[in-house]
Amino acid sequence: MYQGNWKCSGCGGAITELPFQPRSESGLTCRACYAKGKESEKAQQPVAELQTASEPMPMDDIPDFDEAQLASEPMPADDAFAGLETAAPAPQDEKPKITGSWQCSVCGGEITSLPFTPRDTSGLKCLDCFKASKK
């Protein structure tokens, strides 16, 4: 979370915490103004498009979460990410490696595994050259 002193563009209220670093204050809204905006959008929809209370909302019609509009209150600690499949983190001593055949741009030595997939191999360094460049 980012701490700051921003103003809501709707009501002018203070916004002190955001889950992202805003580029500017324009368009920032507090949770109350954000909710009011969503309610007015729903009220402007034609009656035929609105779902009835007994009819479940299709998953395709659920509105996307818009971080740019979220402000002032911390995210609820619910299971919003439940069901997402994530790989179990590797133990500290066993980091996943990408195997391949690359050449060190400093010493010319062969590199056979990396902890990442290189986008550009022009500045690739072997472990010894990488450690030497950090000193």
N, C-alpha and C. Protein backbone atom coordinates (compact mmCIF):
# COMPACT_ATOMS: atom_id res chain seq x y z
N MET A 1 0.83 -1.17 0.00
CA MET A 1 0.00 0.00 0.00
C MET A 1 0.88 1.24 0.00
N TYR A 2 0.43 2.26 -0.69
CA TYR A 2 1.17 3.51 -0.77
C TYR A 2 0.49 4.55 0.11
N GLN A 3 1.27 5.21 0.93
CA GLN A 3 0.78 6.25 1.81
C GLN A 3 0.97 7.60 1.10
N GLY A 4 0.03 8.51 1.27
CA GLY A 4 0.15 9.81 0.64
C GLY A 4 -0.94 10.74 1.10
N ASN A 5 -1.00 11.90 0.48
CA ASN A 5 -2.00 12.90 0.81
C ASN A 5 -2.64 13.35 -0.50
N TRP A 6 -3.66 12.62 -0.94
CA TRP A 6 -4.34 12.92 -2.18
C TRP A 6 -5.76 13.38 -1.87
N LYS A 7 -6.42 13.97 -2.88
CA LYS A 7 -7.80 14.41 -2.73
C LYS A 7 -8.69 13.67 -3.71
N CYS A 8 -9.90 13.35 -3.25
CA CYS A 8 -10.90 12.71 -4.09
C CYS A 8 -11.38 13.72 -5.12
N SER A 9 -11.42 13.33 -6.39
CA SER A 9 -11.88 14.24 -7.43
C SER A 9 -13.39 14.41 -7.40
N GLY A 10 -14.09 13.55 -6.65
CA GLY A 10 -15.54 13.66 -6.54
C GLY A 10 -15.99 14.59 -5.43
N CYS A 11 -15.57 14.29 -4.20
CA CYS A 11 -16.04 15.05 -3.04
C CYS A 11 -14.96 15.93 -2.42
N GLY A 12 -13.72 15.78 -2.84
CA GLY A 12 -12.63 16.58 -2.28
C GLY A 12 -12.11 16.04 -0.97
N GLY A 13 -12.60 14.88 -0.54
CA GLY A 13 -12.16 14.26 0.70
C GLY A 13 -10.73 13.77 0.61
N ALA A 14 -10.13 13.57 1.77
CA ALA A 14 -8.74 13.13 1.84
C ALA A 14 -8.63 11.64 1.51
N ILE A 15 -7.61 11.28 0.77
CA ILE A 15 -7.27 9.89 0.48
C ILE A 15 -5.85 9.72 0.99
N THR A 16 -5.66 8.81 1.92
CA THR A 16 -4.34 8.65 2.55
C THR A 16 -3.63 7.36 2.18
N GLU A 17 -4.35 6.40 1.61
CA GLU A 17 -3.73 5.12 1.30
C GLU A 17 -4.31 4.57 0.01
N LEU A 18 -3.43 4.08 -0.87
CA LEU A 18 -3.84 3.50 -2.14
C LEU A 18 -3.07 2.21 -2.38
N PRO A 19 -3.65 1.25 -3.10
CA PRO A 19 -2.93 0.01 -3.40
C PRO A 19 -1.99 0.17 -4.61
N PHE A 20 -1.83 1.39 -5.12
CA PHE A 20 -0.97 1.65 -6.26
C PHE A 20 -0.43 3.06 -6.13
N GLN A 21 0.64 3.38 -6.84
CA GLN A 21 1.21 4.72 -6.83
C GLN A 21 0.56 5.50 -7.97
N PRO A 22 -0.28 6.52 -7.67
CA PRO A 22 -0.95 7.24 -8.74
C PRO A 22 0.01 8.17 -9.47
N ARG A 23 -0.22 8.36 -10.76
CA ARG A 23 0.60 9.29 -11.54
C ARG A 23 0.17 10.73 -11.30
N SER A 24 -1.12 10.93 -11.05
CA SER A 24 -1.64 12.25 -10.74
C SER A 24 -2.91 12.09 -9.91
N GLU A 25 -3.42 13.19 -9.39
CA GLU A 25 -4.64 13.15 -8.58
C GLU A 25 -5.90 13.12 -9.44
N SER A 26 -5.80 13.45 -10.71
CA SER A 26 -7.00 13.52 -11.55
C SER A 26 -7.61 12.13 -11.68
N GLY A 27 -8.88 12.05 -11.42
CA GLY A 27 -9.60 10.80 -11.54
C GLY A 27 -9.61 9.93 -10.30
N LEU A 28 -8.85 10.30 -9.25
CA LEU A 28 -8.88 9.52 -8.01
C LEU A 28 -10.19 9.75 -7.29
N THR A 29 -10.80 8.68 -6.81
CA THR A 29 -12.04 8.82 -6.05
C THR A 29 -11.94 7.99 -4.78
N CYS A 30 -12.61 8.47 -3.74
CA CYS A 30 -12.68 7.71 -2.49
C CYS A 30 -13.66 6.55 -2.70
N ARG A 31 -13.70 5.64 -1.77
CA ARG A 31 -14.59 4.48 -1.92
C ARG A 31 -16.06 4.90 -2.04
N ALA A 32 -16.46 5.92 -1.27
CA ALA A 32 -17.86 6.34 -1.30
C ALA A 32 -18.23 6.89 -2.68
N CYS A 33 -17.39 7.74 -3.25
CA CYS A 33 -17.67 8.30 -4.58
C CYS A 33 -17.60 7.22 -5.66
N TYR A 34 -16.69 6.29 -5.49
CA TYR A 34 -16.58 5.18 -6.44
C TYR A 34 -17.88 4.37 -6.43
N ALA A 35 -18.39 4.08 -5.24
CA ALA A 35 -19.63 3.31 -5.13
C ALA A 35 -20.81 4.08 -5.72
N LYS A 36 -20.87 5.38 -5.47
CA LYS A 36 -21.94 6.20 -6.05
C LYS A 36 -21.89 6.18 -7.56
N GLY A 37 -20.68 6.25 -8.12
CA GLY A 37 -20.51 6.21 -9.57
C GLY A 37 -20.99 4.90 -10.16
N LYS A 38 -20.69 3.81 -9.47
CA LYS A 38 -21.14 2.50 -9.95
C LYS A 38 -22.65 2.38 -9.89
N GLU A 39 -23.27 2.94 -8.82
CA GLU A 39 -24.72 2.91 -8.70
C GLU A 39 -25.39 3.71 -9.80
N SER A 40 -24.82 4.88 -10.12
CA SER A 40 -25.43 5.71 -11.16
C SER A 40 -25.26 5.08 -12.54
N GLU A 41 -24.15 4.37 -12.77
CA GLU A 41 -23.98 3.64 -14.04
C GLU A 41 -25.04 2.57 -14.18
N LYS A 42 -25.30 1.86 -13.09
CA LYS A 42 -26.30 0.79 -13.12
C LYS A 42 -27.70 1.36 -13.34
N ALA A 43 -27.97 2.55 -12.75
CA ALA A 43 -29.28 3.18 -12.90
C ALA A 43 -29.51 3.65 -14.34
N GLN A 44 -28.43 3.95 -15.07
CA GLN A 44 -28.56 4.43 -16.44
C GLN A 44 -28.75 3.30 -17.45
N GLN A 45 -28.57 2.04 -17.03
CA GLN A 45 -28.75 0.92 -17.93
C GLN A 45 -30.24 0.75 -18.25
N PRO A 46 -30.55 0.35 -19.48
CA PRO A 46 -31.95 0.07 -19.79
C PRO A 46 -32.49 -1.05 -18.90
N VAL A 47 -33.76 -1.01 -18.61
CA VAL A 47 -34.39 -1.98 -17.71
C VAL A 47 -34.21 -3.40 -18.21
N ALA A 48 -34.23 -3.61 -19.51
CA ALA A 48 -34.11 -4.96 -20.07
C ALA A 48 -32.75 -5.57 -19.75
N GLU A 49 -31.71 -4.74 -19.55
CA GLU A 49 -30.38 -5.25 -19.30
C GLU A 49 -30.16 -5.64 -17.84
N LEU A 50 -30.97 -5.12 -16.93
CA LEU A 50 -30.78 -5.41 -15.51
C LEU A 50 -31.19 -6.83 -15.19
N GLN A 51 -30.48 -7.46 -14.30
CA GLN A 51 -30.79 -8.82 -13.87
C GLN A 51 -31.86 -8.76 -12.78
N THR A 52 -32.70 -9.76 -12.74
CA THR A 52 -33.68 -9.83 -11.65
C THR A 52 -33.01 -10.46 -10.44
N ALA A 53 -33.59 -10.26 -9.28
CA ALA A 53 -33.00 -10.76 -8.04
C ALA A 53 -32.92 -12.29 -8.03
N SER A 54 -33.89 -12.96 -8.65
CA SER A 54 -33.89 -14.42 -8.63
C SER A 54 -33.00 -15.02 -9.71
N GLU A 55 -32.60 -14.21 -10.66
CA GLU A 55 -31.77 -14.71 -11.76
C GLU A 55 -30.29 -14.47 -11.44
N PRO A 56 -29.46 -15.49 -11.43
CA PRO A 56 -28.05 -15.29 -11.12
C PRO A 56 -27.33 -14.51 -12.22
N MET A 57 -26.36 -13.71 -11.82
CA MET A 57 -25.60 -12.92 -12.77
C MET A 57 -24.58 -13.82 -13.46
N PRO A 58 -24.54 -13.83 -14.80
CA PRO A 58 -23.54 -14.62 -15.50
C PRO A 58 -22.14 -14.11 -15.18
N MET A 59 -21.16 -14.99 -15.15
CA MET A 59 -19.80 -14.61 -14.81
C MET A 59 -19.24 -13.59 -15.80
N ASP A 60 -19.68 -13.61 -17.05
CA ASP A 60 -19.17 -12.66 -18.04
C ASP A 60 -19.62 -11.23 -17.75
N ASP A 61 -20.71 -11.07 -17.01
CA ASP A 61 -21.25 -9.74 -16.73
C ASP A 61 -20.71 -9.11 -15.47
N ILE A 62 -19.84 -9.79 -14.76
CA ILE A 62 -19.28 -9.21 -13.54
C ILE A 62 -18.29 -8.14 -13.96
N PRO A 63 -18.45 -6.90 -13.44
CA PRO A 63 -17.56 -5.82 -13.85
C PRO A 63 -16.13 -6.08 -13.41
N ASP A 64 -15.19 -5.62 -14.22
CA ASP A 64 -13.78 -5.75 -13.88
C ASP A 64 -13.42 -4.82 -12.74
N PHE A 65 -12.50 -5.23 -11.91
CA PHE A 65 -12.02 -4.42 -10.81
C PHE A 65 -11.10 -3.36 -11.38
N ASP A 66 -11.35 -2.11 -11.10
CA ASP A 66 -10.56 -1.01 -11.65
C ASP A 66 -9.74 -0.38 -10.54
N GLU A 67 -8.44 -0.71 -10.47
CA GLU A 67 -7.58 -0.18 -9.41
C GLU A 67 -7.48 1.34 -9.45
N ALA A 68 -7.58 1.94 -10.63
CA ALA A 68 -7.41 3.37 -10.75
C ALA A 68 -8.49 4.12 -9.99
N GLN A 69 -9.61 3.51 -9.71
CA GLN A 69 -10.69 4.17 -9.01
C GLN A 69 -10.70 3.88 -7.52
N LEU A 70 -9.93 2.91 -7.06
CA LEU A 70 -9.94 2.49 -5.67
C LEU A 70 -9.12 3.46 -4.84
N ALA A 71 -9.60 3.82 -3.65
CA ALA A 71 -8.84 4.76 -2.83
C ALA A 71 -9.19 4.66 -1.37
N SER A 72 -8.42 5.25 -0.55
CA SER A 72 -8.53 5.55 0.87
C SER A 72 -8.66 4.38 1.83
N GLU A 73 -9.33 3.33 1.52
CA GLU A 73 -9.48 2.23 2.46
C GLU A 73 -8.66 1.03 2.02
N PRO A 74 -8.07 0.32 2.98
CA PRO A 74 -7.31 -0.87 2.60
C PRO A 74 -8.22 -1.95 2.04
N MET A 75 -7.65 -2.80 1.23
CA MET A 75 -8.41 -3.90 0.64
C MET A 75 -8.90 -4.84 1.73
N PRO A 76 -10.10 -5.37 1.61
CA PRO A 76 -10.57 -6.33 2.61
C PRO A 76 -9.74 -7.60 2.55
N ALA A 77 -9.56 -8.21 3.70
CA ALA A 77 -8.76 -9.43 3.79
C ALA A 77 -9.65 -10.64 3.56
N ASP A 78 -10.21 -10.73 2.34
CA ASP A 78 -11.06 -11.87 2.04
C ASP A 78 -10.29 -12.84 1.15
N ASP A 79 -10.96 -13.85 0.69
CA ASP A 79 -10.31 -14.86 -0.13
C ASP A 79 -10.45 -14.51 -1.61
N ALA A 80 -10.12 -13.26 -1.98
CA ALA A 80 -10.26 -12.82 -3.35
C ALA A 80 -9.38 -13.62 -4.30
N PHE A 81 -8.28 -14.15 -3.79
CA PHE A 81 -7.37 -14.89 -4.64
C PHE A 81 -7.50 -16.40 -4.43
N ALA A 82 -8.52 -16.83 -3.72
CA ALA A 82 -8.73 -18.26 -3.50
C ALA A 82 -9.04 -18.92 -4.84
N GLY A 83 -8.50 -20.05 -5.06
CA GLY A 83 -8.75 -20.78 -6.30
C GLY A 83 -7.72 -20.52 -7.38
N LEU A 84 -6.90 -19.47 -7.20
CA LEU A 84 -5.85 -19.23 -8.18
C LEU A 84 -4.76 -20.26 -7.95
N GLU A 85 -4.33 -20.85 -9.02
CA GLU A 85 -3.30 -21.87 -8.89
C GLU A 85 -1.94 -21.21 -8.94
N THR A 86 -1.14 -21.46 -7.93
CA THR A 86 0.22 -20.95 -7.90
C THR A 86 1.15 -22.10 -7.62
N ALA A 87 2.32 -22.02 -8.18
CA ALA A 87 3.31 -23.05 -7.93
C ALA A 87 3.85 -22.88 -6.53
N ALA A 88 4.11 -23.97 -5.88
CA ALA A 88 4.67 -23.90 -4.54
C ALA A 88 6.05 -23.25 -4.63
N PRO A 89 6.35 -22.31 -3.73
CA PRO A 89 7.65 -21.66 -3.81
C PRO A 89 8.77 -22.65 -3.56
N ALA A 90 9.83 -22.47 -4.30
CA ALA A 90 10.98 -23.35 -4.15
C ALA A 90 11.68 -23.03 -2.83
N PRO A 91 12.23 -24.03 -2.16
CA PRO A 91 12.99 -23.74 -0.95
C PRO A 91 14.11 -22.76 -1.27
N GLN A 92 14.59 -22.04 -0.25
CA GLN A 92 15.60 -21.01 -0.45
C GLN A 92 16.83 -21.52 -1.18
N ASP A 93 17.23 -22.74 -0.92
CA ASP A 93 18.44 -23.26 -1.54
C ASP A 93 18.18 -23.85 -2.94
N GLU A 94 16.94 -24.01 -3.33
CA GLU A 94 16.61 -24.60 -4.63
C GLU A 94 15.79 -23.63 -5.46
N LYS A 95 16.45 -22.69 -6.12
CA LYS A 95 15.75 -21.74 -6.98
C LYS A 95 15.58 -22.38 -8.36
N PRO A 96 14.43 -22.17 -9.01
CA PRO A 96 14.23 -22.76 -10.34
C PRO A 96 15.22 -22.17 -11.34
N LYS A 97 15.73 -23.01 -12.20
CA LYS A 97 16.73 -22.60 -13.19
C LYS A 97 16.22 -22.89 -14.60
N ILE A 98 16.61 -22.04 -15.53
CA ILE A 98 16.33 -22.23 -16.95
C ILE A 98 17.63 -22.74 -17.57
N THR A 99 17.55 -23.88 -18.22
CA THR A 99 18.76 -24.44 -18.82
C THR A 99 18.85 -24.02 -20.28
N GLY A 100 20.09 -23.86 -20.74
CA GLY A 100 20.32 -23.46 -22.12
C GLY A 100 21.80 -23.39 -22.38
N SER A 101 22.17 -22.77 -23.46
CA SER A 101 23.57 -22.62 -23.81
C SER A 101 23.79 -21.17 -24.25
N TRP A 102 24.41 -20.38 -23.36
CA TRP A 102 24.69 -18.98 -23.63
C TRP A 102 26.17 -18.71 -23.41
N GLN A 103 26.62 -17.54 -23.85
CA GLN A 103 28.02 -17.17 -23.69
C GLN A 103 28.11 -15.89 -22.88
N CYS A 104 29.04 -15.86 -21.91
CA CYS A 104 29.27 -14.69 -21.06
C CYS A 104 29.81 -13.56 -21.93
N SER A 105 29.23 -12.36 -21.80
CA SER A 105 29.65 -11.22 -22.62
C SER A 105 30.97 -10.63 -22.13
N VAL A 106 31.45 -11.01 -20.93
CA VAL A 106 32.69 -10.46 -20.39
C VAL A 106 33.86 -11.40 -20.65
N CYS A 107 33.77 -12.64 -20.14
CA CYS A 107 34.90 -13.57 -20.24
C CYS A 107 34.76 -14.57 -21.38
N GLY A 108 33.58 -14.68 -21.96
CA GLY A 108 33.36 -15.62 -23.06
C GLY A 108 33.06 -17.04 -22.62
N GLY A 109 32.96 -17.26 -21.31
CA GLY A 109 32.68 -18.58 -20.79
C GLY A 109 31.27 -19.04 -21.09
N GLU A 110 31.07 -20.35 -21.00
CA GLU A 110 29.75 -20.93 -21.29
C GLU A 110 28.84 -20.81 -20.06
N ILE A 111 27.59 -20.44 -20.30
CA ILE A 111 26.57 -20.36 -19.25
C ILE A 111 25.53 -21.42 -19.60
N THR A 112 25.28 -22.35 -18.68
CA THR A 112 24.35 -23.45 -18.97
C THR A 112 23.02 -23.33 -18.26
N SER A 113 22.95 -22.54 -17.18
CA SER A 113 21.67 -22.35 -16.48
C SER A 113 21.59 -20.95 -15.91
N LEU A 114 20.37 -20.42 -15.90
CA LEU A 114 20.10 -19.07 -15.38
C LEU A 114 18.84 -19.11 -14.53
N PRO A 115 18.70 -18.17 -13.58
CA PRO A 115 17.47 -18.11 -12.77
C PRO A 115 16.34 -17.37 -13.48
N PHE A 116 16.52 -17.04 -14.76
CA PHE A 116 15.52 -16.32 -15.54
C PHE A 116 15.71 -16.67 -17.01
N THR A 117 14.72 -16.33 -17.84
CA THR A 117 14.85 -16.50 -19.28
C THR A 117 15.33 -15.18 -19.85
N PRO A 118 16.52 -15.13 -20.45
CA PRO A 118 17.04 -13.85 -20.94
C PRO A 118 16.29 -13.36 -22.17
N ARG A 119 15.98 -12.06 -22.19
CA ARG A 119 15.36 -11.44 -23.36
C ARG A 119 16.42 -11.07 -24.38
N ASP A 120 17.58 -10.63 -23.85
CA ASP A 120 18.68 -10.18 -24.69
C ASP A 120 19.95 -10.78 -24.13
N THR A 121 20.74 -11.40 -24.95
CA THR A 121 21.95 -12.07 -24.46
C THR A 121 23.20 -11.22 -24.60
N SER A 122 23.09 -9.99 -25.09
CA SER A 122 24.27 -9.16 -25.33
C SER A 122 24.98 -8.76 -24.03
N GLY A 123 24.28 -8.62 -22.93
CA GLY A 123 24.91 -8.22 -21.67
C GLY A 123 24.92 -9.33 -20.64
N LEU A 124 24.77 -10.56 -21.08
CA LEU A 124 24.69 -11.70 -20.18
C LEU A 124 26.06 -11.99 -19.57
N LYS A 125 26.08 -12.23 -18.24
CA LYS A 125 27.34 -12.48 -17.54
C LYS A 125 27.25 -13.80 -16.79
N CYS A 126 28.39 -14.49 -16.72
CA CYS A 126 28.45 -15.71 -15.91
C CYS A 126 28.43 -15.28 -14.45
N LEU A 127 28.26 -16.23 -13.54
CA LEU A 127 28.14 -15.91 -12.12
C LEU A 127 29.38 -15.20 -11.59
N ASP A 128 30.57 -15.64 -11.99
CA ASP A 128 31.80 -15.01 -11.51
C ASP A 128 31.90 -13.56 -12.00
N CYS A 129 31.61 -13.31 -13.26
CA CYS A 129 31.67 -11.95 -13.79
C CYS A 129 30.57 -11.07 -13.19
N PHE A 130 29.41 -11.65 -12.96
CA PHE A 130 28.30 -10.90 -12.35
C PHE A 130 28.69 -10.47 -10.94
N LYS A 131 29.26 -11.39 -10.15
CA LYS A 131 29.67 -11.06 -8.79
C LYS A 131 30.79 -10.01 -8.80
N ALA A 132 31.73 -10.12 -9.75
CA ALA A 132 32.82 -9.15 -9.84
C ALA A 132 32.30 -7.77 -10.20
N SER A 133 31.24 -7.68 -11.01
CA SER A 133 30.71 -6.38 -11.41
C SER A 133 29.94 -5.71 -10.29
N LYS A 134 29.50 -6.46 -9.28
CA LYS A 134 28.74 -5.91 -8.16
C LYS A 134 29.64 -5.35 -7.06
N LYS A 135 30.95 -5.64 -7.12
CA LYS A 135 31.89 -5.16 -6.07
C LYS A 135 32.21 -3.71 -6.23
